[in-house]
Every structure is written in structure tokens, then in C-alpha cells.
Amino acid sequence: MAAPVLNWITTGDHLLRTLGQGYWPVAGVDLSLLAAAMIAGSVAVRLGRKARAAAAAAALRETAAGQGEAVHA
């Protein structure tokens, strides 16, 4: 997401300006980078949720196994 912002800061060509002027090469790259950043962010969120769920399930299994051993002892 930093590339379109840096493009704006260094060249003054922000996304709305390039879209308005029809400067499609720059607008296309900016839009592609923003889309890739959004996809990567959503994948990271989903993977984080799955990892937390798996860790919680493992902790629950570990706790249940520990309680089962205490009862048998």
C-alpha cells in the first residue's frame, strides 16, 4: 500500500488525478497494487483466525488430556 502513497508524495500523481486525466499506465499499477494489498490483508486475517482457532483447539485437547490422566491416577 505504500507504493501508491509514495508515488503521490514523490511525483504528485495520486490515483484520483491519474484516473481523471486518463493516465492509465500509472492508474493501473496503483490500482493493481492496492488490490494486491487488500487481497494479502484479507488472507492474513483469515490465516490468523485459523491459527488462533487451531491453537485454541490444541489447548483444549491438551487440557482435556491432562484432566483425564489426573482422574486415572
N, C-alpha and C. Protein backbone atom coordinates (compact mmCIF):
# COMPACT_ATOMS: atom_id res chain seq x y z
N MET A 1 0.82 -1.19 0.00
CA MET A 1 0.00 0.00 0.00
C MET A 1 0.86 1.25 0.00
N ALA A 2 2.12 1.09 0.33
CA ALA A 2 2.98 2.26 0.41
C ALA A 2 3.35 2.80 -0.97
N ALA A 3 3.38 1.95 -1.99
CA ALA A 3 3.82 2.39 -3.31
C ALA A 3 2.93 3.48 -3.91
N PRO A 4 1.59 3.34 -3.89
CA PRO A 4 0.77 4.43 -4.41
C PRO A 4 0.91 5.73 -3.61
N VAL A 5 1.09 5.59 -2.30
CA VAL A 5 1.28 6.79 -1.46
C VAL A 5 2.62 7.44 -1.78
N LEU A 6 3.66 6.63 -1.93
CA LEU A 6 4.97 7.19 -2.28
C LEU A 6 4.95 7.80 -3.68
N ASN A 7 4.20 7.22 -4.59
CA ASN A 7 4.05 7.80 -5.92
C ASN A 7 3.42 9.18 -5.81
N TRP A 8 2.43 9.31 -4.98
CA TRP A 8 1.75 10.59 -4.79
C TRP A 8 2.71 11.62 -4.19
N ILE A 9 3.46 11.19 -3.16
CA ILE A 9 4.37 12.11 -2.49
C ILE A 9 5.50 12.55 -3.41
N THR A 10 6.07 11.61 -4.15
CA THR A 10 7.26 11.94 -4.95
C THR A 10 6.93 12.58 -6.29
N THR A 11 5.81 12.19 -6.91
CA THR A 11 5.51 12.73 -8.24
C THR A 11 4.30 13.66 -8.26
N GLY A 12 3.46 13.59 -7.24
CA GLY A 12 2.24 14.39 -7.22
C GLY A 12 1.10 13.74 -7.99
N ASP A 13 1.34 12.59 -8.57
CA ASP A 13 0.31 11.87 -9.33
C ASP A 13 -0.41 10.90 -8.40
N HIS A 14 -1.47 11.38 -7.76
CA HIS A 14 -2.25 10.47 -6.93
C HIS A 14 -3.30 9.76 -7.79
N LEU A 15 -3.89 8.76 -7.24
CA LEU A 15 -4.78 7.88 -8.01
C LEU A 15 -5.95 8.63 -8.63
N LEU A 16 -6.58 9.50 -7.88
CA LEU A 16 -7.72 10.24 -8.44
C LEU A 16 -7.31 11.13 -9.61
N ARG A 17 -6.14 11.71 -9.51
CA ARG A 17 -5.65 12.57 -10.60
C ARG A 17 -5.37 11.74 -11.86
N THR A 18 -4.70 10.60 -11.69
CA THR A 18 -4.37 9.79 -12.86
C THR A 18 -5.63 9.19 -13.49
N LEU A 19 -6.61 8.84 -12.67
CA LEU A 19 -7.87 8.34 -13.23
C LEU A 19 -8.60 9.46 -13.97
N GLY A 20 -8.62 10.64 -13.39
CA GLY A 20 -9.30 11.77 -14.02
C GLY A 20 -8.65 12.20 -15.33
N GLN A 21 -7.36 12.11 -15.41
CA GLN A 21 -6.63 12.51 -16.62
C GLN A 21 -6.53 11.38 -17.63
N GLY A 22 -6.98 10.21 -17.25
CA GLY A 22 -6.89 9.07 -18.16
C GLY A 22 -5.48 8.55 -18.33
N TYR A 23 -4.65 8.76 -17.34
CA TYR A 23 -3.27 8.29 -17.39
C TYR A 23 -3.26 6.85 -16.87
N TRP A 24 -3.71 5.94 -17.72
CA TRP A 24 -4.00 4.57 -17.34
C TRP A 24 -2.80 3.72 -16.94
N PRO A 25 -1.61 3.93 -17.49
CA PRO A 25 -0.49 3.10 -17.03
C PRO A 25 -0.21 3.27 -15.53
N VAL A 26 -0.18 4.51 -15.07
CA VAL A 26 0.08 4.77 -13.65
C VAL A 26 -1.12 4.36 -12.81
N ALA A 27 -2.32 4.72 -13.27
CA ALA A 27 -3.53 4.37 -12.52
C ALA A 27 -3.68 2.85 -12.42
N GLY A 28 -3.37 2.14 -13.48
CA GLY A 28 -3.47 0.68 -13.47
C GLY A 28 -2.52 0.04 -12.49
N VAL A 29 -1.30 0.54 -12.44
CA VAL A 29 -0.32 0.00 -11.49
C VAL A 29 -0.77 0.30 -10.06
N ASP A 30 -1.20 1.52 -9.82
CA ASP A 30 -1.67 1.87 -8.47
C ASP A 30 -2.86 1.01 -8.06
N LEU A 31 -3.82 0.84 -8.96
CA LEU A 31 -5.00 0.02 -8.64
C LEU A 31 -4.61 -1.44 -8.41
N SER A 32 -3.69 -1.93 -9.22
CA SER A 32 -3.23 -3.32 -9.04
C SER A 32 -2.54 -3.51 -7.71
N LEU A 33 -1.70 -2.56 -7.33
CA LEU A 33 -1.00 -2.65 -6.05
C LEU A 33 -1.98 -2.57 -4.88
N LEU A 34 -2.97 -1.70 -4.99
CA LEU A 34 -3.97 -1.60 -3.93
C LEU A 34 -4.81 -2.88 -3.83
N ALA A 35 -5.17 -3.45 -4.97
CA ALA A 35 -5.94 -4.70 -4.96
C ALA A 35 -5.12 -5.83 -4.36
N ALA A 36 -3.85 -5.92 -4.71
CA ALA A 36 -2.98 -6.96 -4.15
C ALA A 36 -2.82 -6.78 -2.65
N ALA A 37 -2.72 -5.54 -2.19
CA ALA A 37 -2.60 -5.28 -0.76
C ALA A 37 -3.88 -5.69 -0.02
N MET A 38 -5.02 -5.43 -0.61
CA MET A 38 -6.29 -5.81 0.02
C MET A 38 -6.44 -7.32 0.08
N ILE A 39 -6.06 -8.00 -0.99
CA ILE A 39 -6.13 -9.46 -1.01
C ILE A 39 -5.18 -10.05 0.03
N ALA A 40 -3.96 -9.54 0.08
CA ALA A 40 -2.98 -10.04 1.05
C ALA A 40 -3.45 -9.79 2.47
N GLY A 41 -4.05 -8.65 2.72
CA GLY A 41 -4.56 -8.34 4.05
C GLY A 41 -5.69 -9.28 4.46
N SER A 42 -6.60 -9.54 3.54
CA SER A 42 -7.71 -10.44 3.88
C SER A 42 -7.23 -11.87 4.10
N VAL A 43 -6.25 -12.30 3.32
CA VAL A 43 -5.68 -13.65 3.52
C VAL A 43 -4.98 -13.72 4.87
N ALA A 44 -4.26 -12.67 5.24
CA ALA A 44 -3.57 -12.66 6.53
C ALA A 44 -4.56 -12.74 7.68
N VAL A 45 -5.67 -12.02 7.56
CA VAL A 45 -6.69 -12.06 8.61
C VAL A 45 -7.29 -13.46 8.71
N ARG A 46 -7.62 -14.06 7.58
CA ARG A 46 -8.20 -15.41 7.60
C ARG A 46 -7.23 -16.43 8.17
N LEU A 47 -5.96 -16.36 7.76
CA LEU A 47 -4.97 -17.30 8.28
C LEU A 47 -4.76 -17.10 9.78
N GLY A 48 -4.79 -15.86 10.22
CA GLY A 48 -4.65 -15.57 11.64
C GLY A 48 -5.79 -16.17 12.44
N ARG A 49 -7.01 -16.05 11.91
CA ARG A 49 -8.17 -16.63 12.60
C ARG A 49 -8.05 -18.14 12.67
N LYS A 50 -7.63 -18.76 11.57
CA LYS A 50 -7.49 -20.23 11.56
C LYS A 50 -6.40 -20.66 12.54
N ALA A 51 -5.30 -19.92 12.60
CA ALA A 51 -4.21 -20.28 13.51
C ALA A 51 -4.66 -20.15 14.96
N ARG A 52 -5.39 -19.08 15.28
CA ARG A 52 -5.89 -18.92 16.64
C ARG A 52 -6.88 -20.02 16.99
N ALA A 53 -7.75 -20.39 16.06
CA ALA A 53 -8.71 -21.46 16.31
C ALA A 53 -8.00 -22.80 16.51
N ALA A 54 -6.97 -23.07 15.71
CA ALA A 54 -6.22 -24.31 15.85
C ALA A 54 -5.48 -24.34 17.18
N ALA A 55 -4.91 -23.21 17.59
CA ALA A 55 -4.20 -23.15 18.87
C ALA A 55 -5.17 -23.34 20.03
N ALA A 56 -6.35 -22.77 19.93
CA ALA A 56 -7.35 -22.93 20.99
C ALA A 56 -7.81 -24.39 21.06
N ALA A 57 -8.02 -25.02 19.92
CA ALA A 57 -8.43 -26.42 19.90
C ALA A 57 -7.34 -27.32 20.48
N ALA A 58 -6.09 -27.03 20.16
CA ALA A 58 -4.98 -27.82 20.71
C ALA A 58 -4.88 -27.64 22.22
N ALA A 59 -5.07 -26.42 22.68
CA ALA A 59 -5.02 -26.17 24.12
C ALA A 59 -6.16 -26.88 24.83
N LEU A 60 -7.32 -26.90 24.20
CA LEU A 60 -8.47 -27.60 24.78
C LEU A 60 -8.22 -29.11 24.85
N ARG A 61 -7.65 -29.66 23.78
CA ARG A 61 -7.32 -31.09 23.79
C ARG A 61 -6.28 -31.41 24.84
N GLU A 62 -5.30 -30.52 24.97
CA GLU A 62 -4.24 -30.71 25.96
C GLU A 62 -4.81 -30.66 27.37
N THR A 63 -5.70 -29.74 27.61
CA THR A 63 -6.33 -29.61 28.92
C THR A 63 -7.18 -30.84 29.23
N ALA A 64 -7.95 -31.28 28.24
CA ALA A 64 -8.79 -32.47 28.42
C ALA A 64 -7.95 -33.70 28.66
N ALA A 65 -6.85 -33.83 27.96
CA ALA A 65 -5.97 -34.99 28.15
C ALA A 65 -5.34 -34.95 29.53
N GLY A 66 -4.96 -33.78 29.99
CA GLY A 66 -4.37 -33.63 31.33
C GLY A 66 -5.35 -33.96 32.43
N GLN A 67 -6.60 -33.58 32.26
CA GLN A 67 -7.62 -33.90 33.25
C GLN A 67 -7.93 -35.39 33.26
N GLY A 68 -7.90 -36.00 32.10
CA GLY A 68 -8.15 -37.43 32.02
C GLY A 68 -7.08 -38.24 32.72
N GLU A 69 -5.83 -37.81 32.65
CA GLU A 69 -4.73 -38.52 33.32
C GLU A 69 -4.85 -38.37 34.82
N ALA A 70 -5.29 -37.21 35.29
CA ALA A 70 -5.40 -36.98 36.73
C ALA A 70 -6.49 -37.86 37.32
N VAL A 71 -7.54 -38.12 36.57
CA VAL A 71 -8.63 -38.93 37.08
C VAL A 71 -8.19 -40.38 37.19
N HIS A 72 -7.40 -40.87 36.26
CA HIS A 72 -6.96 -42.26 36.26
C HIS A 72 -5.87 -42.51 37.30
N ALA A 73 -5.19 -41.48 37.74
CA ALA A 73 -4.07 -41.68 38.66
C ALA A 73 -4.47 -41.94 40.04
